[in-house]
PDB file of all heavy atoms in Angstrom:
ATOM      1  N   ALA A   1      -3.397  -3.589   5.330  1.00  0.00           N
ATOM      2  CA  ALA A   1      -3.611  -2.275   4.889  1.00  0.00           C
ATOM      3  C   ALA A   1      -5.091  -1.862   4.849  1.00  0.00           C
ATOM      4  O   ALA A   1      -5.484  -0.756   5.247  1.00  0.00           O
ATOM      5  CB  ALA A   1      -3.058  -2.187   3.441  1.00  0.00           C
ATOM      6  N   GLU A   2      -5.929  -2.808   4.399  1.00  0.00           N
ATOM      7  CA  GLU A   2      -7.351  -2.557   4.299  1.00  0.00           C
ATOM      8  C   GLU A   2      -7.905  -2.275   5.765  1.00  0.00           C
ATOM      9  O   GLU A   2      -8.715  -1.304   5.961  1.00  0.00           O
ATOM     10  CB  GLU A   2      -8.072  -3.685   3.659  1.00  0.00           C
ATOM     11  CG  GLU A   2      -9.562  -3.413   3.386  1.00  0.00           C
ATOM     12  CD  GLU A   2     -10.234  -4.477   2.550  1.00  0.00           C
ATOM     13  OE1 GLU A   2      -9.570  -5.562   2.353  1.00  0.00           O
ATOM     14  OE2 GLU A   2     -11.316  -4.230   2.022  1.00  0.00           O
ATOM     15  N   ALA A   3      -7.565  -3.083   6.708  1.00  0.00           N
ATOM     16  CA  ALA A   3      -8.039  -2.936   8.065  1.00  0.00           C
ATOM     17  C   ALA A   3      -7.488  -1.709   8.707  1.00  0.00           C
ATOM     18  O   ALA A   3      -8.202  -0.997   9.451  1.00  0.00           O
ATOM     19  CB  ALA A   3      -7.605  -4.196   8.936  1.00  0.00           C
ATOM     20  N   ALA A   4      -6.241  -1.303   8.321  1.00  0.00           N
ATOM     21  CA  ALA A   4      -5.650  -0.040   8.920  1.00  0.00           C
ATOM     22  C   ALA A   4      -6.403   1.155   8.336  1.00  0.00           C
ATOM     23  O   ALA A   4      -6.656   2.120   9.125  1.00  0.00           O
ATOM     24  CB  ALA A   4      -4.177   0.010   8.598  1.00  0.00           C
ATOM     25  N   LEU A   5      -6.762   1.145   7.096  1.00  0.00           N
ATOM     26  CA  LEU A   5      -7.555   2.271   6.558  1.00  0.00           C
ATOM     27  C   LEU A   5      -8.920   2.358   7.212  1.00  0.00           C
ATOM     28  O   LEU A   5      -9.336   3.443   7.582  1.00  0.00           O
ATOM     29  CB  LEU A   5      -7.716   2.077   5.021  1.00  0.00           C
ATOM     30  CG  LEU A   5      -6.410   2.291   4.177  1.00  0.00           C
ATOM     31  CD1 LEU A   5      -6.743   1.896   2.733  1.00  0.00           C
ATOM     32  CD2 LEU A   5      -5.862   3.705   4.297  1.00  0.00           C
ATOM     33  N   ASP A   6      -9.506   1.265   7.491  1.00  0.00           N
ATOM     34  CA  ASP A   6     -10.829   1.215   8.191  1.00  0.00           C
ATOM     35  C   ASP A   6     -10.609   1.764   9.600  1.00  0.00           C
ATOM     36  O   ASP A   6     -11.560   2.334  10.149  1.00  0.00           O
ATOM     37  CB  ASP A   6     -11.385  -0.181   8.226  1.00  0.00           C
ATOM     38  CG  ASP A   6     -11.866  -0.649   6.875  1.00  0.00           C
ATOM     39  OD1 ASP A   6     -12.055   0.231   5.984  1.00  0.00           O
ATOM     40  OD2 ASP A   6     -12.052  -1.883   6.688  1.00  0.00           O
ATOM     41  N   ALA A   7      -9.464   1.533  10.253  1.00  0.00           N
ATOM     42  CA  ALA A   7      -9.202   1.969  11.609  1.00  0.00           C
ATOM     43  C   ALA A   7      -8.794   3.405  11.721  1.00  0.00           C
ATOM     44  O   ALA A   7      -8.701   3.931  12.854  1.00  0.00           O
ATOM     45  CB  ALA A   7      -8.084   1.067  12.176  1.00  0.00           C
ATOM     46  N   GLY A   8      -8.552   4.083  10.613  1.00  0.00           N
ATOM     47  CA  GLY A   8      -8.219   5.497  10.677  1.00  0.00           C
ATOM     48  C   GLY A   8      -6.937   5.976   9.997  1.00  0.00           C
ATOM     49  O   GLY A   8      -6.616   7.114  10.008  1.00  0.00           O
ATOM     50  N   ALA A   9      -6.250   5.033   9.327  1.00  0.00           N
ATOM     51  CA  ALA A   9      -5.030   5.404   8.564  1.00  0.00           C
ATOM     52  C   ALA A   9      -5.410   6.196   7.311  1.00  0.00           C
ATOM     53  O   ALA A   9      -6.492   6.092   6.771  1.00  0.00           O
ATOM     54  CB  ALA A   9      -4.202   4.216   8.177  1.00  0.00           C
ATOM     55  N   HIS A  10      -4.544   7.102   6.881  1.00  0.00           N
ATOM     56  CA  HIS A  10      -4.746   7.930   5.709  1.00  0.00           C
ATOM     57  C   HIS A  10      -3.963   7.553   4.490  1.00  0.00           C
ATOM     58  O   HIS A  10      -4.318   7.942   3.346  1.00  0.00           O
ATOM     59  CB  HIS A  10      -4.386   9.383   6.095  1.00  0.00           C
ATOM     60  CG  HIS A  10      -5.129   9.913   7.310  1.00  0.00           C
ATOM     61  ND1 HIS A  10      -4.585   9.852   8.492  1.00  0.00           N
ATOM     62  CD2 HIS A  10      -6.303  10.535   7.357  1.00  0.00           C
ATOM     63  CE1 HIS A  10      -5.456  10.427   9.414  1.00  0.00           C
ATOM     64  NE2 HIS A  10      -6.492  10.837   8.733  1.00  0.00           N
ATOM     65  N   MET A  11      -2.817   6.858   4.671  1.00  0.00           N
ATOM     66  CA  MET A  11      -2.010   6.585   3.530  1.00  0.00           C
ATOM     67  C   MET A  11      -1.277   5.239   3.705  1.00  0.00           C
ATOM     68  O   MET A  11      -1.207   4.714   4.851  1.00  0.00           O
ATOM     69  CB  MET A  11      -0.966   7.692   3.314  1.00  0.00           C
ATOM     70  CG  MET A  11       0.066   7.899   4.396  1.00  0.00           C
ATOM     71  SD  MET A  11       1.054   9.424   4.102  1.00  0.00           S
ATOM     72  CE  MET A  11       2.060   8.927   2.690  1.00  0.00           C
ATOM     73  N   LEU A  12      -0.850   4.650   2.608  1.00  0.00           N
ATOM     74  CA  LEU A  12      -0.135   3.376   2.631  1.00  0.00           C
ATOM     75  C   LEU A  12       1.319   3.504   2.257  1.00  0.00           C
ATOM     76  O   LEU A  12       1.663   4.299   1.351  1.00  0.00           O
ATOM     77  CB  LEU A  12      -0.802   2.438   1.611  1.00  0.00           C
ATOM     78  CG  LEU A  12      -2.292   2.200   1.780  1.00  0.00           C
ATOM     79  CD1 LEU A  12      -2.812   1.258   0.684  1.00  0.00           C
ATOM     80  CD2 LEU A  12      -2.704   1.679   3.122  1.00  0.00           C
ATOM     81  N   ASN A  13       2.154   2.742   2.909  1.00  0.00           N
ATOM     82  CA  ASN A  13       3.585   2.796   2.657  1.00  0.00           C
ATOM     83  C   ASN A  13       4.074   1.403   2.388  1.00  0.00           C
ATOM     84  O   ASN A  13       4.129   0.577   3.284  1.00  0.00           O
ATOM     85  CB  ASN A  13       4.343   3.396   3.855  1.00  0.00           C
ATOM     86  CG  ASN A  13       5.818   3.467   3.690  1.00  0.00           C
ATOM     87  OD1 ASN A  13       6.355   3.263   2.588  1.00  0.00           O
ATOM     88  ND2 ASN A  13       6.588   3.819   4.749  1.00  0.00           N
ATOM     89  N   ASP A  14       4.365   1.095   1.102  1.00  0.00           N
ATOM     90  CA  ASP A  14       4.666  -0.306   0.676  1.00  0.00           C
ATOM     91  C   ASP A  14       6.165  -0.360   0.331  1.00  0.00           C
ATOM     92  O   ASP A  14       6.632   0.159  -0.677  1.00  0.00           O
ATOM     93  CB  ASP A  14       3.845  -0.635  -0.526  1.00  0.00           C
ATOM     94  CG  ASP A  14       4.187  -2.058  -1.095  1.00  0.00           C
ATOM     95  OD1 ASP A  14       4.902  -2.809  -0.350  1.00  0.00           O
ATOM     96  OD2 ASP A  14       3.761  -2.367  -2.218  1.00  0.00           O
ATOM     97  N   ILE A  15       6.955  -1.087   1.183  1.00  0.00           N
ATOM     98  CA  ILE A  15       8.414  -1.174   0.961  1.00  0.00           C
ATOM     99  C   ILE A  15       8.754  -2.074  -0.162  1.00  0.00           C
ATOM    100  O   ILE A  15       9.909  -2.166  -0.633  1.00  0.00           O
ATOM    101  CB  ILE A  15       9.153  -1.641   2.237  1.00  0.00           C
ATOM    102  CG1 ILE A  15       8.728  -3.037   2.594  1.00  0.00           C
ATOM    103  CG2 ILE A  15       8.966  -0.668   3.350  1.00  0.00           C
ATOM    104  CD1 ILE A  15       9.674  -3.630   3.692  1.00  0.00           C
ATOM    105  N   THR A  16       7.765  -2.827  -0.710  1.00  0.00           N
ATOM    106  CA  THR A  16       8.051  -3.678  -1.852  1.00  0.00           C
ATOM    107  C   THR A  16       7.705  -3.048  -3.185  1.00  0.00           C
ATOM    108  O   THR A  16       7.884  -3.719  -4.234  1.00  0.00           O
ATOM    109  CB  THR A  16       7.283  -5.049  -1.764  1.00  0.00           C
ATOM    110  OG1 THR A  16       5.883  -4.928  -2.081  1.00  0.00           O
ATOM    111  CG2 THR A  16       7.385  -5.639  -0.374  1.00  0.00           C
ATOM    112  N   GLY A  17       7.216  -1.868  -3.174  1.00  0.00           N
ATOM    113  CA  GLY A  17       6.800  -1.185  -4.418  1.00  0.00           C
ATOM    114  C   GLY A  17       5.819  -1.969  -5.252  1.00  0.00           C
ATOM    115  O   GLY A  17       5.969  -2.006  -6.451  1.00  0.00           O
ATOM    116  N   LEU A  18       4.816  -2.500  -4.578  1.00  0.00           N
ATOM    117  CA  LEU A  18       3.724  -3.284  -5.273  1.00  0.00           C
ATOM    118  C   LEU A  18       4.155  -4.651  -5.791  1.00  0.00           C
ATOM    119  O   LEU A  18       3.380  -5.280  -6.425  1.00  0.00           O
ATOM    120  CB  LEU A  18       3.107  -2.489  -6.424  1.00  0.00           C
ATOM    121  CG  LEU A  18       2.486  -1.181  -6.006  1.00  0.00           C
ATOM    122  CD1 LEU A  18       1.927  -0.399  -7.205  1.00  0.00           C
ATOM    123  CD2 LEU A  18       1.292  -1.405  -4.997  1.00  0.00           C
ATOM    124  N   ARG A  19       5.346  -5.107  -5.402  1.00  0.00           N
ATOM    125  CA  ARG A  19       5.768  -6.412  -5.876  1.00  0.00           C
ATOM    126  C   ARG A  19       5.109  -7.548  -5.059  1.00  0.00           C
ATOM    127  O   ARG A  19       4.760  -8.585  -5.592  1.00  0.00           O
ATOM    128  CB  ARG A  19       7.260  -6.558  -5.833  1.00  0.00           C
ATOM    129  CG  ARG A  19       7.968  -5.739  -6.863  1.00  0.00           C
ATOM    130  CD  ARG A  19       9.508  -5.886  -6.815  1.00  0.00           C
ATOM    131  NE  ARG A  19       9.980  -5.477  -5.469  1.00  0.00           N
ATOM    132  CZ  ARG A  19      10.582  -6.299  -4.611  1.00  0.00           C
ATOM    133  NH1 ARG A  19      10.728  -7.570  -4.862  1.00  0.00           N
ATOM    134  NH2 ARG A  19      10.961  -5.836  -3.444  1.00  0.00           N
ATOM    135  N   ALA A  20       4.938  -7.306  -3.773  1.00  0.00           N
ATOM    136  CA  ALA A  20       4.338  -8.380  -2.891  1.00  0.00           C
ATOM    137  C   ALA A  20       2.868  -8.446  -3.061  1.00  0.00           C
ATOM    138  O   ALA A  20       2.264  -9.557  -3.002  1.00  0.00           O
ATOM    139  CB  ALA A  20       4.690  -8.141  -1.460  1.00  0.00           C
ATOM    140  N   ALA A  21       2.238  -7.294  -3.153  1.00  0.00           N
ATOM    141  CA  ALA A  21       0.721  -7.274  -3.264  1.00  0.00           C
ATOM    142  C   ALA A  21       0.296  -6.182  -4.221  1.00  0.00           C
ATOM    143  O   ALA A  21       0.069  -5.032  -3.812  1.00  0.00           O
ATOM    144  CB  ALA A  21       0.128  -7.016  -1.857  1.00  0.00           C
ATOM    145  N   PRO A  22       0.229  -6.487  -5.490  1.00  0.00           N
ATOM    146  CA  PRO A  22      -0.189  -5.453  -6.507  1.00  0.00           C
ATOM    147  C   PRO A  22      -1.546  -4.826  -6.155  1.00  0.00           C
ATOM    148  O   PRO A  22      -1.801  -3.729  -6.547  1.00  0.00           O
ATOM    149  CB  PRO A  22      -0.201  -6.202  -7.808  1.00  0.00           C
ATOM    150  CG  PRO A  22       0.776  -7.389  -7.613  1.00  0.00           C
ATOM    151  CD  PRO A  22       0.604  -7.712  -6.106  1.00  0.00           C
ATOM    152  N   GLY A  23      -2.388  -5.590  -5.454  1.00  0.00           N
ATOM    153  CA  GLY A  23      -3.721  -5.144  -5.066  1.00  0.00           C
ATOM    154  C   GLY A  23      -3.708  -3.930  -4.195  1.00  0.00           C
ATOM    155  O   GLY A  23      -4.745  -3.281  -4.030  1.00  0.00           O
ATOM    156  N   LEU A  24      -2.582  -3.630  -3.594  1.00  0.00           N
ATOM    157  CA  LEU A  24      -2.500  -2.399  -2.748  1.00  0.00           C
ATOM    158  C   LEU A  24      -2.812  -1.188  -3.509  1.00  0.00           C
ATOM    159  O   LEU A  24      -3.338  -0.166  -3.011  1.00  0.00           O
ATOM    160  CB  LEU A  24      -1.082  -2.282  -2.104  1.00  0.00           C
ATOM    161  CG  LEU A  24      -0.813  -3.148  -0.873  1.00  0.00           C
ATOM    162  CD1 LEU A  24       0.651  -3.040  -0.511  1.00  0.00           C
ATOM    163  CD2 LEU A  24      -1.768  -2.781   0.265  1.00  0.00           C
ATOM    164  N   ALA A  25      -2.459  -1.176  -4.803  1.00  0.00           N
ATOM    165  CA  ALA A  25      -2.723   0.033  -5.658  1.00  0.00           C
ATOM    166  C   ALA A  25      -4.208   0.214  -5.789  1.00  0.00           C
ATOM    167  O   ALA A  25      -4.741   1.367  -5.696  1.00  0.00           O
ATOM    168  CB  ALA A  25      -2.038  -0.151  -6.964  1.00  0.00           C
ATOM    169  N   ALA A  26      -4.969  -0.825  -6.168  1.00  0.00           N
ATOM    170  CA  ALA A  26      -6.390  -0.692  -6.275  1.00  0.00           C
ATOM    171  C   ALA A  26      -7.044  -0.271  -4.933  1.00  0.00           C
ATOM    172  O   ALA A  26      -7.968   0.517  -4.931  1.00  0.00           O
ATOM    173  CB  ALA A  26      -6.972  -2.011  -6.725  1.00  0.00           C
ATOM    174  N   LEU A  27      -6.563  -0.790  -3.778  1.00  0.00           N
ATOM    175  CA  LEU A  27      -7.070  -0.390  -2.526  1.00  0.00           C
ATOM    176  C   LEU A  27      -6.811   1.087  -2.265  1.00  0.00           C
ATOM    177  O   LEU A  27      -7.755   1.785  -1.827  1.00  0.00           O
ATOM    178  CB  LEU A  27      -6.357  -1.260  -1.437  1.00  0.00           C
ATOM    179  CG  LEU A  27      -6.734  -0.884   0.054  1.00  0.00           C
ATOM    180  CD1 LEU A  27      -8.182  -1.127   0.300  1.00  0.00           C
ATOM    181  CD2 LEU A  27      -5.854  -1.680   1.006  1.00  0.00           C
ATOM    182  N   ALA A  28      -5.620   1.548  -2.528  1.00  0.00           N
ATOM    183  CA  ALA A  28      -5.315   2.917  -2.305  1.00  0.00           C
ATOM    184  C   ALA A  28      -6.186   3.825  -3.192  1.00  0.00           C
ATOM    185  O   ALA A  28      -6.716   4.865  -2.769  1.00  0.00           O
ATOM    186  CB  ALA A  28      -3.828   3.215  -2.586  1.00  0.00           C
ATOM    187  N   GLY A  29      -6.343   3.372  -4.443  1.00  0.00           N
ATOM    188  CA  GLY A  29      -7.179   4.194  -5.378  1.00  0.00           C
ATOM    189  C   GLY A  29      -8.622   4.274  -4.914  1.00  0.00           C
ATOM    190  O   GLY A  29      -9.209   5.294  -4.902  1.00  0.00           O
ATOM    191  N   ALA A  30      -9.184   3.119  -4.510  1.00  0.00           N
ATOM    192  CA  ALA A  30     -10.611   3.108  -4.071  1.00  0.00           C
ATOM    193  C   ALA A  30     -10.805   3.925  -2.785  1.00  0.00           C
ATOM    194  O   ALA A  30     -11.832   4.554  -2.563  1.00  0.00           O
ATOM    195  CB  ALA A  30     -11.024   1.672  -3.854  1.00  0.00           C
ATOM    196  N   ALA A  31      -9.778   3.884  -1.906  1.00  0.00           N
ATOM    197  CA  ALA A  31      -9.869   4.615  -0.626  1.00  0.00           C
ATOM    198  C   ALA A  31      -9.432   6.055  -0.718  1.00  0.00           C
ATOM    199  O   ALA A  31      -9.529   6.850   0.270  1.00  0.00           O
ATOM    200  CB  ALA A  31      -8.994   3.921   0.405  1.00  0.00           C
ATOM    201  N   GLU A  32      -9.004   6.505  -1.901  1.00  0.00           N
ATOM    202  CA  GLU A  32      -8.451   7.833  -2.126  1.00  0.00           C
ATOM    203  C   GLU A  32      -7.334   8.125  -1.127  1.00  0.00           C
ATOM    204  O   GLU A  32      -7.257   9.197  -0.525  1.00  0.00           O
ATOM    205  CB  GLU A  32      -9.588   8.855  -1.996  1.00  0.00           C
ATOM    206  CG  GLU A  32     -10.652   8.704  -3.083  1.00  0.00           C
ATOM    207  CD  GLU A  32     -11.654   9.767  -3.023  1.00  0.00           C
ATOM    208  OE1 GLU A  32     -11.804  10.520  -1.983  1.00  0.00           O
ATOM    209  OE2 GLU A  32     -12.447   9.876  -4.028  1.00  0.00           O
ATOM    210  N   ALA A  33      -6.477   7.139  -0.973  1.00  0.00           N
ATOM    211  CA  ALA A  33      -5.351   7.258  -0.096  1.00  0.00           C
ATOM    212  C   ALA A  33      -4.043   7.377  -0.893  1.00  0.00           C
ATOM    213  O   ALA A  33      -3.890   6.650  -1.889  1.00  0.00           O
ATOM    214  CB  ALA A  33      -5.276   5.973   0.794  1.00  0.00           C
ATOM    215  N   PRO A  34      -3.084   8.199  -0.461  1.00  0.00           N
ATOM    216  CA  PRO A  34      -1.787   8.268  -1.088  1.00  0.00           C
ATOM    217  C   PRO A  34      -1.012   6.953  -0.908  1.00  0.00           C
ATOM    218  O   PRO A  34      -1.294   6.230   0.085  1.00  0.00           O
ATOM    219  CB  PRO A  34      -1.063   9.352  -0.375  1.00  0.00           C
ATOM    220  CG  PRO A  34      -2.100  10.202   0.345  1.00  0.00           C
ATOM    221  CD  PRO A  34      -3.198   9.190   0.640  1.00  0.00           C
ATOM    222  N   LEU A  35      -0.176   6.654  -1.819  1.00  0.00           N
ATOM    223  CA  LEU A  35       0.590   5.390  -1.779  1.00  0.00           C
ATOM    224  C   LEU A  35       2.107   5.648  -1.936  1.00  0.00           C
ATOM    225  O   LEU A  35       2.505   6.302  -2.905  1.00  0.00           O
ATOM    226  CB  LEU A  35       0.120   4.453  -2.877  1.00  0.00           C
ATOM    227  CG  LEU A  35       0.865   3.149  -3.095  1.00  0.00           C
ATOM    228  CD1 LEU A  35       0.717   2.186  -1.880  1.00  0.00           C
ATOM    229  CD2 LEU A  35       0.443   2.447  -4.374  1.00  0.00           C
ATOM    230  N   VAL A  36       2.925   5.204  -1.022  1.00  0.00           N
ATOM    231  CA  VAL A  36       4.333   5.295  -1.105  1.00  0.00           C
ATOM    232  C   VAL A  36       4.831   3.918  -1.743  1.00  0.00           C
ATOM    233  O   VAL A  36       4.525   2.866  -1.266  1.00  0.00           O
ATOM    234  CB  VAL A  36       5.013   5.467   0.246  1.00  0.00           C
ATOM    235  CG1 VAL A  36       6.529   5.577   0.028  1.00  0.00           C
ATOM    236  CG2 VAL A  36       4.482   6.658   1.006  1.00  0.00           C
ATOM    237  N   VAL A  37       5.597   4.067  -2.801  1.00  0.00           N
ATOM    238  CA  VAL A  37       6.258   2.857  -3.449  1.00  0.00           C
ATOM    239  C   VAL A  37       7.739   3.036  -3.280  1.00  0.00           C
ATOM    240  O   VAL A  37       8.336   4.060  -3.617  1.00  0.00           O
ATOM    241  CB  VAL A  37       5.811   2.780  -4.875  1.00  0.00           C
ATOM    242  CG1 VAL A  37       4.414   2.302  -5.010  1.00  0.00           C
ATOM    243  CG2 VAL A  37       6.107   3.947  -5.761  1.00  0.00           C
ATOM    244  N   MET A  38       8.341   2.005  -2.705  1.00  0.00           N
ATOM    245  CA  MET A  38       9.818   2.035  -2.454  1.00  0.00           C
ATOM    246  C   MET A  38      10.514   1.044  -3.306  1.00  0.00           C
ATOM    247  O   MET A  38      10.019  -0.097  -3.600  1.00  0.00           O
ATOM    248  CB  MET A  38      10.115   1.741  -0.987  1.00  0.00           C
ATOM    249  CG  MET A  38      11.501   1.937  -0.536  1.00  0.00           C
ATOM    250  SD  MET A  38      11.844   1.361   1.118  1.00  0.00           S
ATOM    251  CE  MET A  38      12.190  -0.417   0.782  1.00  0.00           C
ATOM    252  N   HIS A  39      11.756   1.331  -3.681  1.00  0.00           N
ATOM    253  CA  HIS A  39      12.571   0.360  -4.430  1.00  0.00           C
ATOM    254  C   HIS A  39      13.303  -0.530  -3.431  1.00  0.00           C
ATOM    255  O   HIS A  39      13.887  -0.073  -2.411  1.00  0.00           O
ATOM    256  CB  HIS A  39      13.650   1.057  -5.274  1.00  0.00           C
ATOM    257  CG  HIS A  39      14.640   0.054  -5.862  1.00  0.00           C
ATOM    258  ND1 HIS A  39      15.763  -0.295  -5.224  1.00  0.00           N
ATOM    259  CD2 HIS A  39      14.605  -0.568  -6.982  1.00  0.00           C
ATOM    260  CE1 HIS A  39      16.456  -1.204  -5.955  1.00  0.00           C
ATOM    261  NE2 HIS A  39      15.730  -1.408  -7.031  1.00  0.00           N
ATOM    262  N   ALA A  40      13.239  -1.800  -3.686  1.00  0.00           N
ATOM    263  CA  ALA A  40      13.951  -2.826  -2.915  1.00  0.00           C
ATOM    264  C   ALA A  40      14.044  -4.096  -3.801  1.00  0.00           C
ATOM    265  O   ALA A  40      13.344  -4.228  -4.789  1.00  0.00           O
ATOM    266  CB  ALA A  40      13.270  -3.148  -1.564  1.00  0.00           C
ATOM    267  N   ILE A  41      14.878  -4.975  -3.413  1.00  0.00           N
ATOM    268  CA  ILE A  41      14.990  -6.232  -4.115  1.00  0.00           C
ATOM    269  C   ILE A  41      14.713  -7.354  -3.100  1.00  0.00           C
ATOM    270  O   ILE A  41      14.914  -7.163  -1.880  1.00  0.00           O
ATOM    271  CB  ILE A  41      16.339  -6.497  -4.831  1.00  0.00           C
ATOM    272  CG1 ILE A  41      17.491  -6.403  -3.810  1.00  0.00           C
ATOM    273  CG2 ILE A  41      16.556  -5.481  -5.940  1.00  0.00           C
ATOM    274  CD1 ILE A  41      18.796  -6.823  -4.437  1.00  0.00           C
ATOM    275  N   GLY A  42      14.224  -8.491  -3.506  1.00  0.00           N
ATOM    276  CA  GLY A  42      13.839  -9.481  -2.627  1.00  0.00           C
ATOM    277  C   GLY A  42      12.531  -9.149  -1.961  1.00  0.00           C
ATOM    278  O   GLY A  42      11.939  -8.052  -2.229  1.00  0.00           O
ATOM    279  N   LEU A  43      11.991 -10.032  -1.147  1.00  0.00           N
ATOM    280  CA  LEU A  43      10.748  -9.726  -0.396  1.00  0.00           C
ATOM    281  C   LEU A  43      10.985  -9.895   1.087  1.00  0.00           C
ATOM    282  O   LEU A  43      11.979 -10.483   1.520  1.00  0.00           O
ATOM    283  CB  LEU A  43       9.709 -10.720  -0.862  1.00  0.00           C
ATOM    284  CG  LEU A  43       9.210 -10.593  -2.307  1.00  0.00           C
ATOM    285  CD1 LEU A  43       8.307 -11.729  -2.686  1.00  0.00           C
ATOM    286  CD2 LEU A  43       8.461  -9.237  -2.432  1.00  0.00           C
ATOM    287  N   PRO A  44      10.198  -9.261   1.912  1.00  0.00           N
ATOM    288  CA  PRO A  44      10.364  -9.362   3.375  1.00  0.00           C
ATOM    289  C   PRO A  44      10.589 -10.784   3.808  1.00  0.00           C
ATOM    290  O   PRO A  44       9.871 -11.684   3.404  1.00  0.00           O
ATOM    291  CB  PRO A  44       9.105  -8.770   3.887  1.00  0.00           C
ATOM    292  CG  PRO A  44       8.654  -7.747   2.878  1.00  0.00           C
ATOM    293  CD  PRO A  44       9.028  -8.371   1.551  1.00  0.00           C
TER     294      PRO A  44
END
């Protein structure tokens, strides 16, 4: 996610809803990027 934002992405789409990497929220906040959180059970 961090490398993709550096490469030109504008927003993050997390299918685990921050369960796999809670740090995605801090990354999105610092980058001023929207964040999609999805409901799912289990992990990829």
